[in-house]
Amino acid sequence: MNLQARKLELVQLILNTDRPSLLEKVSQILKQENKTDWWDELPISVQQAIEVGNKEADRGETTPHEEVKKEVRLRYGI
C-alpha cells in the first residue's frame, strides 16, 4: 500500500469513529509528531561545532570560567 492510500484509509477510519477519546489520542499523536526538535533547526555547521566542543569537554580540554573572564578583562580592558 502506498503512502497516499494509507492516508486515505486513516482518514476514513477517523471519519467513521464516534469515540471522542480516540479522536483526542489521534490528535495528540499528530501534534507531538509535528513538534520539531530545536537541534534539527540548527544549521549542520553549528551542530558539528557543538559536537566538537562536547568531545573536547569529554576529554577535559576546557578552560575554567574564571580564567576566561580574566582573559576577557585583560584583552578588552573591562
PDB file of N, CA and C in Angstrom:
ATOM      1  N   MET A   1       0.854  -1.180   0.000  1.00  0.00           N
ATOM      2  CA  MET A   1       0.000   0.000   0.000  1.00  0.00           C
ATOM      3  C   MET A   1       0.895   1.237   0.000  1.00  0.00           C
ATOM      4  N   ASN A   2       0.603   2.161  -0.893  1.00  0.00           N
ATOM      5  CA  ASN A   2       1.421   3.372  -0.953  1.00  0.00           C
ATOM      6  C   ASN A   2       0.981   4.384   0.111  1.00  0.00           C
ATOM      7  N   LEU A   3       1.758   5.411   0.242  1.00  0.00           N
ATOM      8  CA  LEU A   3       1.513   6.416   1.283  1.00  0.00           C
ATOM      9  C   LEU A   3       0.156   7.092   1.129  1.00  0.00           C
ATOM     10  N   GLN A   4      -0.189   7.465  -0.073  1.00  0.00           N
ATOM     11  CA  GLN A   4      -1.465   8.152  -0.302  1.00  0.00           C
ATOM     12  C   GLN A   4      -2.649   7.262   0.067  1.00  0.00           C
ATOM     13  N   ALA A   5      -2.584   6.008  -0.296  1.00  0.00           N
ATOM     14  CA  ALA A   5      -3.662   5.071   0.035  1.00  0.00           C
ATOM     15  C   ALA A   5      -3.773   4.881   1.543  1.00  0.00           C
ATOM     16  N   ARG A   6      -2.624   4.840   2.211  1.00  0.00           N
ATOM     17  CA  ARG A   6      -2.625   4.688   3.675  1.00  0.00           C
ATOM     18  C   ARG A   6      -3.264   5.907   4.338  1.00  0.00           C
ATOM     19  N   LYS A   7      -2.948   7.097   3.852  1.00  0.00           N
ATOM     20  CA  LYS A   7      -3.551   8.316   4.395  1.00  0.00           C
ATOM     21  C   LYS A   7      -5.066   8.301   4.231  1.00  0.00           C
ATOM     22  N   LEU A   8      -5.513   7.920   3.058  1.00  0.00           N
ATOM     23  CA  LEU A   8      -6.958   7.865   2.815  1.00  0.00           C
ATOM     24  C   LEU A   8      -7.637   6.843   3.722  1.00  0.00           C
ATOM     25  N   GLU A   9      -6.979   5.730   3.946  1.00  0.00           N
ATOM     26  CA  GLU A   9      -7.530   4.715   4.848  1.00  0.00           C
ATOM     27  C   GLU A   9      -7.666   5.267   6.260  1.00  0.00           C
ATOM     28  N   LEU A  10      -6.648   5.986   6.723  1.00  0.00           N
ATOM     29  CA  LEU A  10      -6.698   6.565   8.062  1.00  0.00           C
ATOM     30  C   LEU A  10      -7.771   7.645   8.169  1.00  0.00           C
ATOM     31  N   VAL A  11      -7.896   8.462   7.150  1.00  0.00           N
ATOM     32  CA  VAL A  11      -8.949   9.488   7.141  1.00  0.00           C
ATOM     33  C   VAL A  11     -10.321   8.831   7.238  1.00  0.00           C
ATOM     34  N   GLN A  12     -10.511   7.764   6.507  1.00  0.00           N
ATOM     35  CA  GLN A  12     -11.791   7.061   6.538  1.00  0.00           C
ATOM     36  C   GLN A  12     -12.079   6.493   7.932  1.00  0.00           C
ATOM     37  N   LEU A  13     -11.059   5.929   8.571  1.00  0.00           N
ATOM     38  CA  LEU A  13     -11.235   5.402   9.927  1.00  0.00           C
ATOM     39  C   LEU A  13     -11.597   6.517  10.907  1.00  0.00           C
ATOM     40  N   ILE A  14     -10.966   7.662  10.753  1.00  0.00           N
ATOM     41  CA  ILE A  14     -11.255   8.794  11.632  1.00  0.00           C
ATOM     42  C   ILE A  14     -12.680   9.290  11.398  1.00  0.00           C
ATOM     43  N   LEU A  15     -13.080   9.388  10.148  1.00  0.00           N
ATOM     44  CA  LEU A  15     -14.431   9.859   9.841  1.00  0.00           C
ATOM     45  C   LEU A  15     -15.506   8.908  10.364  1.00  0.00           C
ATOM     46  N   ASN A  16     -15.193   7.636  10.439  1.00  0.00           N
ATOM     47  CA  ASN A  16     -16.182   6.639  10.857  1.00  0.00           C
ATOM     48  C   ASN A  16     -16.272   6.449  12.368  1.00  0.00           C
ATOM     49  N   THR A  17     -15.390   7.058  13.136  1.00  0.00           N
ATOM     50  CA  THR A  17     -15.436   6.853  14.583  1.00  0.00           C
ATOM     51  C   THR A  17     -16.302   7.907  15.262  1.00  0.00           C
ATOM     52  N   ASP A  18     -16.947   7.471  16.345  1.00  0.00           N
ATOM     53  CA  ASP A  18     -17.742   8.371  17.173  1.00  0.00           C
ATOM     54  C   ASP A  18     -17.157   8.457  18.578  1.00  0.00           C
ATOM     55  N   ARG A  19     -15.919   8.016  18.724  1.00  0.00           N
ATOM     56  CA  ARG A  19     -15.278   7.980  20.047  1.00  0.00           C
ATOM     57  C   ARG A  19     -14.392   9.212  20.245  1.00  0.00           C
ATOM     58  N   PRO A  20     -14.848  10.165  21.054  1.00  0.00           N
ATOM     59  CA  PRO A  20     -14.052  11.377  21.311  1.00  0.00           C
ATOM     60  C   PRO A  20     -12.677  11.073  21.887  1.00  0.00           C
ATOM     61  N   SER A  21     -12.590  10.051  22.745  1.00  0.00           N
ATOM     62  CA  SER A  21     -11.295   9.735  23.347  1.00  0.00           C
ATOM     63  C   SER A  21     -10.287   9.267  22.292  1.00  0.00           C
ATOM     64  N   LEU A  22     -10.756   8.519  21.317  1.00  0.00           N
ATOM     65  CA  LEU A  22      -9.884   8.059  20.241  1.00  0.00           C
ATOM     66  C   LEU A  22      -9.425   9.241  19.384  1.00  0.00           C
ATOM     67  N   LEU A  23     -10.354  10.132  19.083  1.00  0.00           N
ATOM     68  CA  LEU A  23     -10.006  11.314  18.289  1.00  0.00           C
ATOM     69  C   LEU A  23      -8.984  12.185  19.023  1.00  0.00           C
ATOM     70  N   GLU A  24      -9.134  12.283  20.333  1.00  0.00           N
ATOM     71  CA  GLU A  24      -8.179  13.060  21.129  1.00  0.00           C
ATOM     72  C   GLU A  24      -6.802  12.418  21.086  1.00  0.00           C
ATOM     73  N   LYS A  25      -6.755  11.096  21.191  1.00  0.00           N
ATOM     74  CA  LYS A  25      -5.466  10.393  21.115  1.00  0.00           C
ATOM     75  C   LYS A  25      -4.795  10.613  19.758  1.00  0.00           C
ATOM     76  N   VAL A  26      -5.556  10.503  18.699  1.00  0.00           N
ATOM     77  CA  VAL A  26      -5.017  10.718  17.353  1.00  0.00           C
ATOM     78  C   VAL A  26      -4.494  12.151  17.237  1.00  0.00           C
ATOM     79  N   SER A  27      -5.258  13.087  17.747  1.00  0.00           N
ATOM     80  CA  SER A  27      -4.861  14.486  17.711  1.00  0.00           C
ATOM     81  C   SER A  27      -3.551  14.708  18.459  1.00  0.00           C
ATOM     82  N   GLN A  28      -3.430  14.132  19.636  1.00  0.00           N
ATOM     83  CA  GLN A  28      -2.207  14.278  20.431  1.00  0.00           C
ATOM     84  C   GLN A  28      -1.004  13.678  19.717  1.00  0.00           C
ATOM     85  N   ILE A  29      -1.190  12.520  19.117  1.00  0.00           N
ATOM     86  CA  ILE A  29      -0.098  11.880  18.381  1.00  0.00           C
ATOM     87  C   ILE A  29       0.367  12.772  17.237  1.00  0.00           C
ATOM     88  N   LEU A  30      -0.572  13.290  16.476  1.00  0.00           N
ATOM     89  CA  LEU A  30      -0.216  14.124  15.335  1.00  0.00           C
ATOM     90  C   LEU A  30       0.438  15.431  15.769  1.00  0.00           C
ATOM     91  N   LYS A  31      -0.041  16.030  16.846  1.00  0.00           N
ATOM     92  CA  LYS A  31       0.563  17.267  17.344  1.00  0.00           C
ATOM     93  C   LYS A  31       1.985  17.012  17.829  1.00  0.00           C
ATOM     94  N   GLN A  32       2.195  15.901  18.503  1.00  0.00           N
ATOM     95  CA  GLN A  32       3.530  15.568  19.004  1.00  0.00           C
ATOM     96  C   GLN A  32       4.493  15.344  17.842  1.00  0.00           C
ATOM     97  N   GLU A  33       4.035  14.692  16.809  1.00  0.00           N
ATOM     98  CA  GLU A  33       4.869  14.423  15.644  1.00  0.00           C
ATOM     99  C   GLU A  33       5.259  15.706  14.913  1.00  0.00           C
ATOM    100  N   ASN A  34       4.402  16.707  14.965  1.00  0.00           N
ATOM    101  CA  ASN A  34       4.665  17.951  14.252  1.00  0.00           C
ATOM    102  C   ASN A  34       5.634  18.869  14.982  1.00  0.00           C
ATOM    103  N   LYS A  35       5.885  18.577  16.259  1.00  0.00           N
ATOM    104  CA  LYS A  35       6.839  19.388  17.000  1.00  0.00           C
ATOM    105  C   LYS A  35       8.237  19.036  16.517  1.00  0.00           C
ATOM    106  N   THR A  36       9.005  20.057  16.235  1.00  0.00           N
ATOM    107  CA  THR A  36      10.362  19.813  15.792  1.00  0.00           C
ATOM    108  C   THR A  36      11.330  20.054  16.936  1.00  0.00           C
ATOM    109  N   ASP A  37      12.375  19.327  16.941  1.00  0.00           N
ATOM    110  CA  ASP A  37      13.421  19.479  17.934  1.00  0.00           C
ATOM    111  C   ASP A  37      14.290  20.667  17.533  1.00  0.00           C
ATOM    112  N   TRP A  38      14.616  21.531  18.473  1.00  0.00           N
ATOM    113  CA  TRP A  38      15.410  22.718  18.159  1.00  0.00           C
ATOM    114  C   TRP A  38      16.736  22.328  17.531  1.00  0.00           C
ATOM    115  N   TRP A  39      17.278  21.177  17.912  1.00  0.00           N
ATOM    116  CA  TRP A  39      18.546  20.720  17.361  1.00  0.00           C
ATOM    117  C   TRP A  39      18.448  20.578  15.841  1.00  0.00           C
ATOM    118  N   ASP A  40      17.345  20.031  15.378  1.00  0.00           N
ATOM    119  CA  ASP A  40      17.159  19.818  13.947  1.00  0.00           C
ATOM    120  C   ASP A  40      17.043  21.129  13.172  1.00  0.00           C
ATOM    121  N   GLU A  41      16.716  22.211  13.872  1.00  0.00           N
ATOM    122  CA  GLU A  41      16.584  23.519  13.235  1.00  0.00           C
ATOM    123  C   GLU A  41      17.933  24.219  13.069  1.00  0.00           C
ATOM    124  N   LEU A  42      18.957  23.730  13.779  1.00  0.00           N
ATOM    125  CA  LEU A  42      20.278  24.343  13.679  1.00  0.00           C
ATOM    126  C   LEU A  42      20.951  23.961  12.368  1.00  0.00           C
ATOM    127  N   PRO A  43      21.728  24.878  11.808  1.00  0.00           N
ATOM    128  CA  PRO A  43      22.496  24.515  10.611  1.00  0.00           C
ATOM    129  C   PRO A  43      23.476  23.381  10.937  1.00  0.00           C
ATOM    130  N   ILE A  44      23.786  22.572   9.948  1.00  0.00           N
ATOM    131  CA  ILE A  44      24.697  21.440  10.141  1.00  0.00           C
ATOM    132  C   ILE A  44      26.034  21.919  10.698  1.00  0.00           C
ATOM    133  N   SER A  45      26.532  23.054  10.209  1.00  0.00           N
ATOM    134  CA  SER A  45      27.827  23.552  10.681  1.00  0.00           C
ATOM    135  C   SER A  45      27.799  23.840  12.185  1.00  0.00           C
ATOM    136  N   VAL A  46      26.679  24.349  12.680  1.00  0.00           N
ATOM    137  CA  VAL A  46      26.547  24.635  14.109  1.00  0.00           C
ATOM    138  C   VAL A  46      26.455  23.323  14.890  1.00  0.00           C
ATOM    139  N   GLN A  47      25.690  22.361  14.392  1.00  0.00           N
ATOM    140  CA  GLN A  47      25.613  21.052  15.042  1.00  0.00           C
ATOM    141  C   GLN A  47      26.994  20.424  15.156  1.00  0.00           C
ATOM    142  N   GLN A  48      27.765  20.498  14.075  1.00  0.00           N
ATOM    143  CA  GLN A  48      29.104  19.911  14.083  1.00  0.00           C
ATOM    144  C   GLN A  48      30.013  20.623  15.078  1.00  0.00           C
ATOM    145  N   ALA A  49      29.931  21.948  15.144  1.00  0.00           N
ATOM    146  CA  ALA A  49      30.754  22.706  16.086  1.00  0.00           C
ATOM    147  C   ALA A  49      30.415  22.343  17.527  1.00  0.00           C
ATOM    148  N   ILE A  50      29.145  22.167  17.813  1.00  0.00           N
ATOM    149  CA  ILE A  50      28.722  21.772  19.166  1.00  0.00           C
ATOM    150  C   ILE A  50      29.232  20.381  19.490  1.00  0.00           C
ATOM    151  N   GLU A  51      29.140  19.470  18.529  1.00  0.00           N
ATOM    152  CA  GLU A  51      29.624  18.105  18.757  1.00  0.00           C
ATOM    153  C   GLU A  51      31.127  18.089  19.010  1.00  0.00           C
ATOM    154  N   VAL A  52      31.877  18.905  18.275  1.00  0.00           N
ATOM    155  CA  VAL A  52      33.323  19.006  18.503  1.00  0.00           C
ATOM    156  C   VAL A  52      33.579  19.522  19.918  1.00  0.00           C
ATOM    157  N   GLY A  53      32.858  20.558  20.311  1.00  0.00           N
ATOM    158  CA  GLY A  53      33.006  21.119  21.655  1.00  0.00           C
ATOM    159  C   GLY A  53      32.679  20.108  22.735  1.00  0.00           C
ATOM    160  N   ASN A  54      31.638  19.313  22.530  1.00  0.00           N
ATOM    161  CA  ASN A  54      31.284  18.280  23.506  1.00  0.00           C
ATOM    162  C   ASN A  54      32.388  17.240  23.637  1.00  0.00           C
ATOM    163  N   LYS A  55      32.979  16.840  22.511  1.00  0.00           N
ATOM    164  CA  LYS A  55      34.071  15.858  22.549  1.00  0.00           C
ATOM    165  C   LYS A  55      35.296  16.431  23.264  1.00  0.00           C
ATOM    166  N   GLU A  56      35.599  17.705  23.001  1.00  0.00           N
ATOM    167  CA  GLU A  56      36.710  18.356  23.691  1.00  0.00           C
ATOM    168  C   GLU A  56      36.460  18.395  25.198  1.00  0.00           C
ATOM    169  N   ALA A  57      35.243  18.725  25.587  1.00  0.00           N
ATOM    170  CA  ALA A  57      34.893  18.773  27.006  1.00  0.00           C
ATOM    171  C   ALA A  57      35.003  17.385  27.630  1.00  0.00           C
ATOM    172  N   ASP A  58      34.578  16.359  26.910  1.00  0.00           N
ATOM    173  CA  ASP A  58      34.686  14.988  27.416  1.00  0.00           C
ATOM    174  C   ASP A  58      36.138  14.595  27.668  1.00  0.00           C
ATOM    175  N   ARG A  59      37.045  15.144  26.846  1.00  0.00           N
ATOM    176  CA  ARG A  59      38.468  14.852  27.002  1.00  0.00           C
ATOM    177  C   ARG A  59      39.136  15.779  28.024  1.00  0.00           C
ATOM    178  N   GLY A  60      38.363  16.668  28.609  1.00  0.00           N
ATOM    179  CA  GLY A  60      38.910  17.585  29.603  1.00  0.00           C
ATOM    180  C   GLY A  60      39.616  18.780  29.000  1.00  0.00           C
ATOM    181  N   GLU A  61      39.412  19.023  27.734  1.00  0.00           N
ATOM    182  CA  GLU A  61      40.062  20.135  27.045  1.00  0.00           C
ATOM    183  C   GLU A  61      39.201  21.392  27.168  1.00  0.00           C
ATOM    184  N   THR A  62      39.099  21.893  28.394  1.00  0.00           N
ATOM    185  CA  THR A  62      38.268  23.065  28.656  1.00  0.00           C
ATOM    186  C   THR A  62      39.092  24.135  29.376  1.00  0.00           C
ATOM    187  N   THR A  63      38.548  25.331  29.417  1.00  0.00           N
ATOM    188  CA  THR A  63      39.162  26.437  30.149  1.00  0.00           C
ATOM    189  C   THR A  63      38.173  26.866  31.222  1.00  0.00           C
ATOM    190  N   PRO A  64      38.629  26.947  32.475  1.00  0.00           N
ATOM    191  CA  PRO A  64      37.720  27.359  33.555  1.00  0.00           C
ATOM    192  C   PRO A  64      37.127  28.748  33.292  1.00  0.00           C
ATOM    193  N   HIS A  65      35.907  28.938  33.728  1.00  0.00           N
ATOM    194  CA  HIS A  65      35.182  30.184  33.507  1.00  0.00           C
ATOM    195  C   HIS A  65      35.939  31.389  34.058  1.00  0.00           C
ATOM    196  N   GLU A  66      36.491  31.248  35.245  1.00  0.00           N
ATOM    197  CA  GLU A  66      37.225  32.366  35.853  1.00  0.00           C
ATOM    198  C   GLU A  66      38.412  32.779  34.990  1.00  0.00           C
ATOM    199  N   GLU A  67      39.081  31.815  34.380  1.00  0.00           N
ATOM    200  CA  GLU A  67      40.213  32.129  33.506  1.00  0.00           C
ATOM    201  C   GLU A  67      39.751  32.862  32.246  1.00  0.00           C
ATOM    202  N   VAL A  68      38.641  32.441  31.691  1.00  0.00           N
ATOM    203  CA  VAL A  68      38.101  33.111  30.507  1.00  0.00           C
ATOM    204  C   VAL A  68      37.734  34.551  30.849  1.00  0.00           C
ATOM    205  N   LYS A  69      37.074  34.750  31.994  1.00  0.00           N
ATOM    206  CA  LYS A  69      36.701  36.103  32.407  1.00  0.00           C
ATOM    207  C   LYS A  69      37.941  36.983  32.580  1.00  0.00           C
ATOM    208  N   LYS A  70      39.000  36.427  33.160  1.00  0.00           N
ATOM    209  CA  LYS A  70      40.246  37.172  33.359  1.00  0.00           C
ATOM    210  C   LYS A  70      40.847  37.581  32.012  1.00  0.00           C
ATOM    211  N   GLU A  71      40.876  36.659  31.065  1.00  0.00           N
ATOM    212  CA  GLU A  71      41.419  36.953  29.734  1.00  0.00           C
ATOM    213  C   GLU A  71      40.599  38.030  29.020  1.00  0.00           C
ATOM    214  N   VAL A  72      39.293  37.982  29.148  1.00  0.00           N
ATOM    215  CA  VAL A  72      38.418  38.972  28.514  1.00  0.00           C
ATOM    216  C   VAL A  72      38.663  40.344  29.135  1.00  0.00           C
ATOM    217  N   ARG A  73      38.784  40.390  30.449  1.00  0.00           N
ATOM    218  CA  ARG A  73      39.041  41.676  31.117  1.00  0.00           C
ATOM    219  C   ARG A  73      40.356  42.271  30.647  1.00  0.00           C
ATOM    220  N   LEU A  74      41.401  41.441  30.564  1.00  0.00           N
ATOM    221  CA  LEU A  74      42.712  41.936  30.118  1.00  0.00           C
ATOM    222  C   LEU A  74      42.669  42.385  28.663  1.00  0.00           C
ATOM    223  N   ARG A  75      42.051  41.612  27.832  1.00  0.00           N
ATOM    224  CA  ARG A  75      42.028  41.913  26.404  1.00  0.00           C
ATOM    225  C   ARG A  75      41.218  43.169  26.087  1.00  0.00           C
ATOM    226  N   TYR A  76      40.066  43.307  26.751  1.00  0.00           N
ATOM    227  CA  TYR A  76      39.162  44.404  26.414  1.00  0.00           C
ATOM    228  C   TYR A  76      39.149  45.534  27.448  1.00  0.00           C
ATOM    229  N   GLY A  77      39.968  45.388  28.473  1.00  0.00           N
ATOM    230  CA  GLY A  77      40.071  46.455  29.464  1.00  0.00           C
ATOM    231  C   GLY A  77      38.799  46.704  30.234  1.00  0.00           C
ATOM    232  N   ILE A  78      38.094  45.655  30.534  1.00  0.00           N
ATOM    233  CA  ILE A  78      36.846  45.839  31.295  1.00  0.00           C
ATOM    234  C   ILE A  78      36.951  45.215  32.672  1.00  0.00           C
TER     235      ILE A  78
END
